[in-house]
C-alpha atoms as a PDB file:
ATOM      1  CA  MET A   1     387.486 113.831 -85.966  1.00  0.00           C
ATOM      2  CA  THR A   2     385.947 111.258 -83.488  1.00  0.00           C
ATOM      3  CA  GLN A   3     382.675 112.034 -81.727  1.00  0.00           C
ATOM      4  CA  PRO A   4     382.772 113.964 -78.549  1.00  0.00           C
ATOM      5  CA  LYS A   5     382.921 112.085 -75.200  1.00  0.00           C
ATOM      6  CA  LEU A   6     379.747 112.509 -73.159  1.00  0.00           C
ATOM      7  CA  PHE A   7     380.467 109.530 -70.714  1.00  0.00           C
ATOM      8  CA  GLU A   8     383.774 108.406 -69.041  1.00  0.00           C
ATOM      9  CA  GLN A   9     382.520 104.996 -68.823  1.00  0.00           C
ATOM     10  CA  PHE A  10     379.384 102.974 -68.870  1.00  0.00           C
ATOM     11  CA  SER A  11     377.782 100.822 -66.288  1.00  0.00           C
ATOM     12  CA  GLU A  12     376.398  97.359 -67.407  1.00  0.00           C
ATOM     13  CA  THR A  13     372.813  98.726 -67.497  1.00  0.00           C
ATOM     14  CA  GLN A  14     373.891 101.752 -69.656  1.00  0.00           C
ATOM     15  CA  THR A  15     375.704  99.577 -71.985  1.00  0.00           C
ATOM     16  CA  GLU A  16     372.632  97.472 -72.498  1.00  0.00           C
ATOM     17  CA  HIS A  17     370.461 100.504 -72.850  1.00  0.00           C
ATOM     18  CA  LYS A  18     372.656 102.117 -75.335  1.00  0.00           C
ATOM     19  CA  ALA A  19     372.698  99.001 -77.449  1.00  0.00           C
ATOM     20  CA  LYS A  20     368.893  99.061 -77.519  1.00  0.00           C
ATOM     21  CA  LEU A  21     368.902 102.440 -78.675  1.00  0.00           C
ATOM     22  CA  MET A  22     371.308 101.977 -81.335  1.00  0.00           C
ATOM     23  CA  LYS A  23     369.310  99.029 -82.561  1.00  0.00           C
ATOM     24  CA  VAL A  24     366.437 101.099 -83.163  1.00  0.00           C
ATOM     25  CA  LEU A  25     368.085 104.300 -84.341  1.00  0.00           C
ATOM     26  CA  HIS A  26     369.954 102.281 -86.976  1.00  0.00           C
ATOM     27  CA  GLN A  27     366.951 102.133 -88.954  1.00  0.00           C
ATOM     28  CA  TYR A  28     366.446 105.894 -88.937  1.00  0.00           C
ATOM     29  CA  LEU A  29     369.671 107.730 -88.936  1.00  0.00           C
ATOM     30  CA  PRO A  30     372.848 107.638 -91.075  1.00  0.00           C
ATOM     31  CA  GLN A  31     375.275 105.026 -89.684  1.00  0.00           C
ATOM     32  CA  ASN A  32     378.039 107.395 -88.358  1.00  0.00           C
ATOM     33  CA  SER A  33     375.491 109.357 -86.391  1.00  0.00           C
ATOM     34  CA  VAL A  34     373.741 106.555 -84.297  1.00  0.00           C
ATOM     35  CA  ASP A  35     376.577 106.087 -81.475  1.00  0.00           C
ATOM     36  CA  TYR A  36     376.605 109.895 -80.753  1.00  0.00           C
ATOM     37  CA  CYS A  37     372.868 110.300 -81.039  1.00  0.00           C
ATOM     38  CA  SER A  38     372.265 107.441 -78.720  1.00  0.00           C
ATOM     39  CA  GLU A  39     374.623 109.005 -76.127  1.00  0.00           C
ATOM     40  CA  LEU A  40     372.766 112.353 -76.326  1.00  0.00           C
ATOM     41  CA  ILE A  41     369.372 110.715 -75.716  1.00  0.00           C
ATOM     42  CA  MET A  42     371.051 108.913 -72.524  1.00  0.00           C
ATOM     43  CA  TYR A  43     373.050 112.060 -71.454  1.00  0.00           C
ATOM     44  CA  TYR A  44     370.107 114.397 -71.493  1.00  0.00           C
ATOM     45  CA  LYS A  45     367.791 111.531 -70.367  1.00  0.00           C
ATOM     46  CA  MET A  46     365.430 112.090 -73.175  1.00  0.00           C
ATOM     47  CA  HIS A  47     362.446 110.186 -74.356  1.00  0.00           C
ATOM     48  CA  LEU A  48     362.559 109.731 -77.962  1.00  0.00           C
ATOM     49  CA  HIS A  49     359.122 108.948 -79.647  1.00  0.00           C
ATOM     50  CA  ILE A  50     359.180 107.994 -83.443  1.00  0.00           C
ATOM     51  CA  GLU A  51     355.637 109.058 -84.752  1.00  0.00           C
ATOM     52  CA  VAL A  52     353.545 108.643 -87.800  1.00  0.00           C
ATOM     53  CA  GLU A  53     353.447 111.124 -90.346  1.00  0.00           C
ATOM     54  CA  ARG A  54     352.211 114.607 -89.141  1.00  0.00           C
ATOM     55  CA  LYS A  55     351.391 117.111 -91.794  1.00  0.00           C
ATOM     56  CA  GLY A  56     353.210 120.411 -91.250  1.00  0.00           C
ATOM     57  CA  ARG A  57     355.676 119.208 -89.000  1.00  0.00           C
ATOM     58  CA  TYR A  58     358.830 116.849 -88.925  1.00  0.00           C
ATOM     59  CA  GLY A  59     359.193 116.720 -85.095  1.00  0.00           C
ATOM     60  CA  ASP A  60     358.515 118.391 -81.961  1.00  0.00           C
ATOM     61  CA  TYR A  61     359.844 118.903 -78.368  1.00  0.00           C
ATOM     62  CA  THR A  62     357.966 118.746 -74.917  1.00  0.00           C
ATOM     63  CA  PRO A  63     359.968 120.200 -71.944  1.00  0.00           C
ATOM     64  CA  HIS A  64     357.771 118.665 -69.326  1.00  0.00           C
ATOM     65  CA  SER A  65     354.843 116.280 -69.313  1.00  0.00           C
ATOM     66  CA  GLY A  66     355.292 114.733 -65.877  1.00  0.00           C
ATOM     67  CA  LYS A  67     357.467 111.859 -67.461  1.00  0.00           C
ATOM     68  CA  GLY A  68     360.488 114.008 -68.386  1.00  0.00           C
ATOM     69  CA  PHE A  69     361.781 115.515 -71.635  1.00  0.00           C
ATOM     70  CA  ARG A  70     360.377 114.227 -74.792  1.00  0.00           C
ATOM     71  CA  ILE A  71     361.391 114.557 -78.471  1.00  0.00           C
ATOM     72  CA  SER A  72     359.394 113.140 -81.463  1.00  0.00           C
ATOM     73  CA  VAL A  73     360.308 112.688 -84.876  1.00  0.00           C
ATOM     74  CA  ASN A  74     358.314 111.556 -87.845  1.00  0.00           C
ATOM     75  CA  HIS A  75     359.136 107.928 -88.897  1.00  0.00           C
ATOM     76  CA  ASN A  76     358.694 108.397 -92.668  1.00  0.00           C
ATOM     77  CA  LEU A  77     361.923 111.052 -92.987  1.00  0.00           C
ATOM     78  CA  SER A  78     364.761 110.202 -94.778  1.00  0.00           C
ATOM     79  CA  LYS A  79     367.922 109.387 -92.858  1.00  0.00           C
ATOM     80  CA  PHE A  80     369.416 112.803 -93.061  1.00  0.00           C
ATOM     81  CA  GLU A  81     366.110 114.417 -92.654  1.00  0.00           C
ATOM     82  CA  PHE A  82     365.557 112.442 -89.423  1.00  0.00           C
ATOM     83  CA  LEU A  83     369.090 113.484 -88.213  1.00  0.00           C
ATOM     84  CA  ILE A  84     368.667 117.194 -88.863  1.00  0.00           C
ATOM     85  CA  THR A  85     365.156 117.110 -87.115  1.00  0.00           C
ATOM     86  CA  PHE A  86     366.621 115.298 -84.167  1.00  0.00           C
ATOM     87  CA  ILE A  87     369.354 117.982 -83.753  1.00  0.00           C
ATOM     88  CA  HIS A  88     366.710 120.655 -84.302  1.00  0.00           C
ATOM     89  CA  GLU A  89     364.601 119.396 -81.432  1.00  0.00           C
ATOM     90  CA  MET A  90     367.548 118.557 -79.010  1.00  0.00           C
ATOM     91  CA  ALA A  91     368.465 122.159 -79.542  1.00  0.00           C
ATOM     92  CA  HIS A  92     365.116 123.232 -78.109  1.00  0.00           C
ATOM     93  CA  HIS A  93     366.008 120.907 -75.203  1.00  0.00           C
ATOM     94  CA  THR A  94     369.348 122.664 -74.565  1.00  0.00           C
ATOM     95  CA  THR A  95     367.835 126.080 -75.013  1.00  0.00           C
ATOM     96  CA  TYR A  96     365.320 125.192 -72.431  1.00  0.00           C
ATOM     97  CA  LEU A  97     367.883 124.094 -69.938  1.00  0.00           C
ATOM     98  CA  LYS A  98     369.682 127.234 -70.510  1.00  0.00           C
ATOM     99  CA  TYR A  99     367.028 129.813 -70.568  1.00  0.00           C
ATOM    100  CA  GLY A 100     363.828 128.166 -69.386  1.00  0.00           C
ATOM    101  CA  PRO A 101     360.472 128.563 -71.022  1.00  0.00           C
ATOM    102  CA  ARG A 102     360.718 132.481 -71.568  1.00  0.00           C
ATOM    103  CA  HIS A 103     362.315 132.689 -74.939  1.00  0.00           C
ATOM    104  CA  ASP A 104     361.194 132.678 -78.523  1.00  0.00           C
ATOM    105  CA  ALA A 105     360.735 128.948 -79.767  1.00  0.00           C
ATOM    106  CA  HIS A 106     362.861 129.734 -82.701  1.00  0.00           C
ATOM    107  CA  GLY A 107     364.712 132.950 -81.675  1.00  0.00           C
ATOM    108  CA  VAL A 108     368.244 134.093 -81.062  1.00  0.00           C
ATOM    109  CA  GLU A 109     368.785 131.623 -78.143  1.00  0.00           C
ATOM    110  CA  TRP A 110     367.394 128.531 -80.131  1.00  0.00           C
ATOM    111  CA  LYS A 111     369.506 129.535 -83.172  1.00  0.00           C
ATOM    112  CA  ASP A 112     372.679 129.628 -81.143  1.00  0.00           C
ATOM    113  CA  GLU A 113     372.026 126.414 -79.524  1.00  0.00           C
ATOM    114  CA  PHE A 114     371.116 124.534 -82.845  1.00  0.00           C
ATOM    115  CA  LYS A 115     374.528 125.693 -84.061  1.00  0.00           C
ATOM    116  CA  ILE A 116     376.156 124.270 -81.017  1.00  0.00           C
ATOM    117  CA  VAL A 117     374.423 121.008 -81.022  1.00  0.00           C
ATOM    118  CA  MET A 118     375.002 120.583 -84.784  1.00  0.00           C
ATOM    119  CA  ARG A 119     378.783 121.316 -84.557  1.00  0.00           C
ATOM    120  CA  PRO A 120     379.839 117.965 -83.535  1.00  0.00           C
ATOM    121  CA  PHE A 121     377.879 116.430 -86.457  1.00  0.00           C
ATOM    122  CA  PHE A 122     379.880 118.593 -88.890  1.00  0.00           C
ATOM    123  CA  MET A 123     383.113 117.592 -87.384  1.00  0.00           C
ATOM    124  CA  MET A 124     382.320 113.758 -87.862  1.00  0.00           C
ATOM    125  CA  ASP A 125     382.113 112.088 -91.345  1.00  0.00           C
ATOM    126  CA  ILE A 126     378.398 112.010 -91.810  1.00  0.00           C
ATOM    127  CA  PHE A 127     377.193 114.487 -94.365  1.00  0.00           C
ATOM    128  CA  PRO A 128     378.152 114.154 -98.286  1.00  0.00           C
ATOM    129  CA  TYR A 129     379.872 117.401 -99.587  1.00  0.00           C
ATOM    130  CA  ASP A 130     377.051 118.863-101.256  1.00  0.00           C
ATOM    131  CA  LEU A 131     374.585 118.378 -98.331  1.00  0.00           C
ATOM    132  CA  LYS A 132     377.173 119.675 -95.892  1.00  0.00           C
ATOM    133  CA  ALA A 133     377.724 122.771 -97.819  1.00  0.00           C
ATOM    134  CA  ILE A 134     374.118 123.579 -98.164  1.00  0.00           C
ATOM    135  CA  LEU A 135     373.618 122.707 -94.505  1.00  0.00           C
ATOM    136  CA  ALA A 136     376.527 124.948 -93.434  1.00  0.00           C
ATOM    137  CA  LYS A 137     374.763 127.887 -95.297  1.00  0.00           C
ATOM    138  CA  HIS A 138     371.360 127.001 -93.678  1.00  0.00           C
ATOM    139  CA  MET A 139     372.929 126.981 -90.194  1.00  0.00           C
ATOM    140  CA  GLN A 140     374.010 130.629 -90.490  1.00  0.00           C
ATOM    141  CA  ASN A 141     370.621 131.674 -89.752  1.00  0.00           C
ATOM    142  CA  PRO A 142     368.569 128.398 -89.122  1.00  0.00           C
ATOM    143  CA  LYS A 143     364.842 128.728 -89.958  1.00  0.00           C
ATOM    144  CA  TYR A 144     362.089 127.272 -87.918  1.00  0.00           C
ATOM    145  CA  SER A 145     362.110 124.201 -90.174  1.00  0.00           C
ATOM    146  CA  GLN A 146     364.169 122.667 -93.161  1.00  0.00           C
ATOM    147  CA  SER A 147     360.931 122.864 -95.045  1.00  0.00           C
ATOM    148  CA  ALA A 148     361.406 126.664 -95.123  1.00  0.00           C
ATOM    149  CA  ASP A 149     364.598 126.352 -96.891  1.00  0.00           C
ATOM    150  CA  VAL A 150     363.773 125.044-100.597  1.00  0.00           C
ATOM    151  CA  LYS A 151     367.575 124.874-101.540  1.00  0.00           C
ATOM    152  CA  LEU A 152     368.465 122.361 -98.641  1.00  0.00           C
ATOM    153  CA  LEU A 153     365.157 120.301 -99.397  1.00  0.00           C
ATOM    154  CA  GLU A 154     366.388 120.079-103.005  1.00  0.00           C
ATOM    155  CA  VAL A 155     369.881 118.606-101.840  1.00  0.00           C
ATOM    156  CA  LEU A 156     367.989 116.290 -99.230  1.00  0.00           C
ATOM    157  CA  LYS A 157     365.875 114.873-101.856  1.00  0.00           C
ATOM    158  CA  LYS A 158     368.929 113.510-103.686  1.00  0.00           C
ATOM    159  CA  TYR A 159     369.841 111.318-100.980  1.00  0.00           C
ATOM    160  CA  ASP A 160     366.129 109.880-100.364  1.00  0.00           C
ATOM    161  CA  LEU A 161     366.020 106.864-102.676  1.00  0.00           C
ATOM    162  CA  ARG A 162     362.189 106.738-102.215  1.00  0.00           C
ATOM    163  CA  LYS A 163     361.707 110.307-104.042  1.00  0.00           C
ATOM    164  CA  ALA A 164     364.009 109.250-106.850  1.00  0.00           C
ATOM    165  CA  ASN A 165     361.239 109.564-109.328  1.00  0.00           C
ATOM    166  CA  VAL A 166     359.121 112.152-107.478  1.00  0.00           C
ATOM    167  CA  ILE A 167     358.601 115.398-109.329  1.00  0.00           C
ATOM    168  CA  THR A 168     358.365 118.677-107.393  1.00  0.00           C
ATOM    169  CA  LEU A 169     356.747 121.912-108.309  1.00  0.00           C
ATOM    170  CA  SER A 170     360.099 123.367-108.096  1.00  0.00           C
ATOM    171  CA  GLN A 171     361.420 121.385-111.210  1.00  0.00           C
ATOM    172  CA  LEU A 172     358.546 122.618-113.450  1.00  0.00           C
ATOM    173  CA  PRO A 173     358.890 125.557-115.927  1.00  0.00           C
ATOM    174  CA  ASP A 174     356.380 128.597-115.536  1.00  0.00           C
ATOM    175  CA  GLY A 175     353.132 127.771-117.528  1.00  0.00           C
ATOM    176  CA  THR A 176     353.176 124.061-116.662  1.00  0.00           C
ATOM    177  CA  LEU A 177     349.764 122.437-115.838  1.00  0.00           C
ATOM    178  CA  PHE A 178     349.950 120.129-112.930  1.00  0.00           C
ATOM    179  CA  THR A 179     347.956 118.317-110.350  1.00  0.00           C
ATOM    180  CA  MET A 180     349.089 117.656-106.458  1.00  0.00           C
ATOM    181  CA  LYS A 181     349.314 114.527-104.591  1.00  0.00           C
ATOM    182  CA  LYS A 182     345.913 113.428-103.422  1.00  0.00           C
ATOM    183  CA  ASP A 183     344.080 116.216-105.226  1.00  0.00           C
ATOM    184  CA  SER A 184     342.491 116.188-108.908  1.00  0.00           C
ATOM    185  CA  MET A 185     342.332 119.984-109.335  1.00  0.00           C
ATOM    186  CA  VAL A 186     344.523 121.177-112.408  1.00  0.00           C
ATOM    187  CA  LEU A 187     346.604 124.225-111.488  1.00  0.00           C
ATOM    188  CA  ARG A 188     349.106 126.399-113.637  1.00  0.00           C
ATOM    189  CA  ARG A 189     352.551 127.441-112.297  1.00  0.00           C
ATOM    190  CA  ILE A 190     352.737 131.204-112.617  1.00  0.00           C
ATOM    191  CA  ASN A 191     356.266 132.215-111.138  1.00  0.00           C
ATOM    192  CA  LYS A 192     358.614 131.393-108.178  1.00  0.00           C
ATOM    193  CA  LEU A 193     358.346 133.515-104.773  1.00  0.00           C
ATOM    194  CA  ARG A 194     360.707 132.200-102.227  1.00  0.00           C
ATOM    195  CA  THR A 195     359.671 129.277-100.316  1.00  0.00           C
ATOM    196  CA  TYR A 196     356.351 129.189-102.358  1.00  0.00           C
ATOM    197  CA  ILE A 197     355.335 129.256-106.033  1.00  0.00           C
ATOM    198  CA  ALA A 198     352.442 131.294-107.342  1.00  0.00           C
ATOM    199  CA  CYS A 199     350.073 129.256-109.140  1.00  0.00           C
ATOM    200  CA  GLU A 200     346.346 129.698-110.525  1.00  0.00           C
ATOM    201  CA  SER A 201     343.366 127.563-111.155  1.00  0.00           C
ATOM    202  CA  LEU A 202     343.077 126.173-114.909  1.00  0.00           C
ATOM    203  CA  ASP A 203     340.420 128.952-115.659  1.00  0.00           C
ATOM    204  CA  GLY A 204     342.563 131.720-114.108  1.00  0.00           C
ATOM    205  CA  LYS A 205     339.798 132.742-111.434  1.00  0.00           C
ATOM    206  CA  TRP A 206     341.693 131.240-108.546  1.00  0.00           C
ATOM    207  CA  LYS A 207     345.198 132.054-107.194  1.00  0.00           C
ATOM    208  CA  TYR A 208     347.136 129.918-104.891  1.00  0.00           C
ATOM    209  CA  ARG A 209     350.598 129.743-103.157  1.00  0.00           C
ATOM    210  CA  VAL A 210     352.186 126.154-103.293  1.00  0.00           C
ATOM    211  CA  HIS A 211     355.158 124.942-101.584  1.00  0.00           C
ATOM    212  CA  ALA A 212     358.127 124.785-104.003  1.00  0.00           C
ATOM    213  CA  MET A 213     358.847 121.193-102.863  1.00  0.00           C
ATOM    214  CA  ALA A 214     355.203 119.962-103.244  1.00  0.00           C
ATOM    215  CA  GLU A 215     354.984 116.514-105.055  1.00  0.00           C
ATOM    216  CA  VAL A 216     353.046 117.229-108.312  1.00  0.00           C
ATOM    217  CA  SER A 217     352.353 115.216-111.562  1.00  0.00           C
ATOM    218  CA  VAL A 218     352.424 117.108-114.953  1.00  0.00           C
ATOM    219  CA  TYR A 219     348.972 117.405-116.364  1.00  0.00           C
ATOM    220  CA  ILE A 220     348.467 116.743-120.135  1.00  0.00           C
ATOM    221  CA  GLN A 221     345.229 118.286-121.487  1.00  0.00           C
ATOM    222  CA  PRO A 222     343.152 115.866-123.439  1.00  0.00           C
ATOM    223  CA  ILE A 223     342.884 116.397-127.348  1.00  0.00           C
ATOM    224  CA  LEU A 224     339.198 117.102-128.225  1.00  0.00           C
END
């Protein structure tokens, strides 16, 4: 299926604007999604900001800041993660247009809009089969972030070449000793919860909940 038609025709100015948008978005989005995402930004008169990495969030949406509607997405996401985050934030905008500010940020209204905004992307040839399947399952009841869906993150990781050699906590068996990125503390994996995994300090005195997709390094105890 070809992409939905948002504009009957473009003015010369619009054509130039779209070309500039596409040139930027080609760096961050899957190729087959760039054209339609550019038109969505133009159609809704959005300001898209590509931000530095922010811990705890992939993107955000600001309905009114005196300069129009604003979406931001972290620059360091994989192309599929960037696209899903873009759609997630665009759904916040369409929810705001329909319901105004008085609705739960990730409530029923947003979930319904997320499904509507996502639908055209499912109809276009964008997602690999396994990613499309797990994303379809995710969309049955979308969570506040894809970071809360470990199975989706595991498939997304397959298509992020930068993480080809990255080990995540979800890959380790219970009992494995490990350290986390930028932290020298040695922890032991105990057992899987849902999104998180129960862990403990090496001496067993402290308990922790660590995200299943946290990047880790296996710790080898020195031989004394």
